[in-house]
Amino acid sequence: MKELVDKIQSLIGDFKKDAGLQLENGNKAAGVRARKASLEIEKLMKEFRKASIDEAKK
């Protein structure tokens, strides 16, 4: 589960950086990267939810 949380934190950092570049500079490529990261974050958050529920049941 720790590995999953580390991946999520890394992707959130990437998202913040790229979203900031899009907002500040109008960087279209950064916007594409931010959107891709958001989809990956969504997928990992679903995995985290499942893992968290499993851990709580133990």
Protein backbone atom coordinates (compact mmCIF):
# COMPACT_ATOMS: atom_id res chain seq x y z
CA MET A 1 0.00 0.00 0.00
CA LYS A 2 2.92 2.33 0.69
CA GLU A 3 4.09 1.90 -2.90
CA LEU A 4 0.63 2.86 -4.15
CA VAL A 5 0.58 6.02 -2.02
CA ASP A 6 4.06 6.95 -3.26
CA LYS A 7 2.91 6.58 -6.90
CA ILE A 8 -0.13 8.76 -6.20
CA GLN A 9 1.99 11.45 -4.57
CA SER A 10 4.42 11.44 -7.47
CA LEU A 11 1.63 11.78 -10.03
CA ILE A 12 0.02 14.58 -8.04
CA GLY A 13 3.34 16.43 -8.08
CA ASP A 14 3.59 15.96 -11.85
CA PHE A 15 0.00 17.13 -12.27
CA LYS A 16 0.57 20.28 -10.19
CA LYS A 17 3.69 21.16 -12.18
CA ASP A 18 2.09 20.63 -15.59
CA ALA A 19 -1.23 22.26 -14.68
CA GLY A 20 0.71 25.27 -13.39
CA LEU A 21 2.66 25.53 -16.63
CA GLN A 22 -0.56 25.43 -18.61
CA LEU A 23 -2.21 28.10 -16.47
CA GLU A 24 0.79 30.43 -16.26
CA ASN A 25 2.29 30.09 -19.71
CA GLY A 26 -0.51 28.66 -21.81
CA ASN A 27 1.69 25.62 -22.48
CA LYS A 28 -0.58 23.24 -24.42
CA ALA A 29 1.73 20.23 -24.12
CA ALA A 30 1.77 20.65 -20.34
CA GLY A 31 -2.03 20.63 -20.42
CA VAL A 32 -1.99 17.30 -22.23
CA ARG A 33 0.42 15.88 -19.65
CA ALA A 34 -1.74 17.21 -16.79
CA ARG A 35 -4.86 15.60 -18.23
CA LYS A 36 -3.03 12.30 -18.66
CA ALA A 37 -1.79 12.46 -15.07
CA SER A 38 -5.32 13.17 -13.83
CA LEU A 39 -6.58 9.99 -15.49
CA GLU A 40 -3.78 7.96 -13.93
CA ILE A 41 -4.47 9.52 -10.52
CA GLU A 42 -8.14 8.59 -10.84
CA LYS A 43 -7.25 4.97 -11.58
CA LEU A 44 -4.78 4.76 -8.69
CA MET A 45 -7.24 6.38 -6.29
CA LYS A 46 -9.73 3.59 -7.06
CA GLU A 47 -7.00 1.04 -6.32
CA PHE A 48 -6.18 2.88 -3.10
CA ARG A 49 -9.80 2.77 -2.02
CA LYS A 50 -9.93 -1.01 -2.54
CA ALA A 51 -6.62 -1.53 -0.72
CA SER A 52 -7.69 0.73 2.12
CA ILE A 53 -10.94 -1.16 2.60
CA ASP A 54 -9.06 -4.48 2.58
CA GLU A 55 -6.61 -3.17 5.21
CA ALA A 56 -9.46 -1.96 7.39
CA LYS A 57 -11.06 -5.42 7.34
CA LYS A 58 -7.95 -7.08 8.79
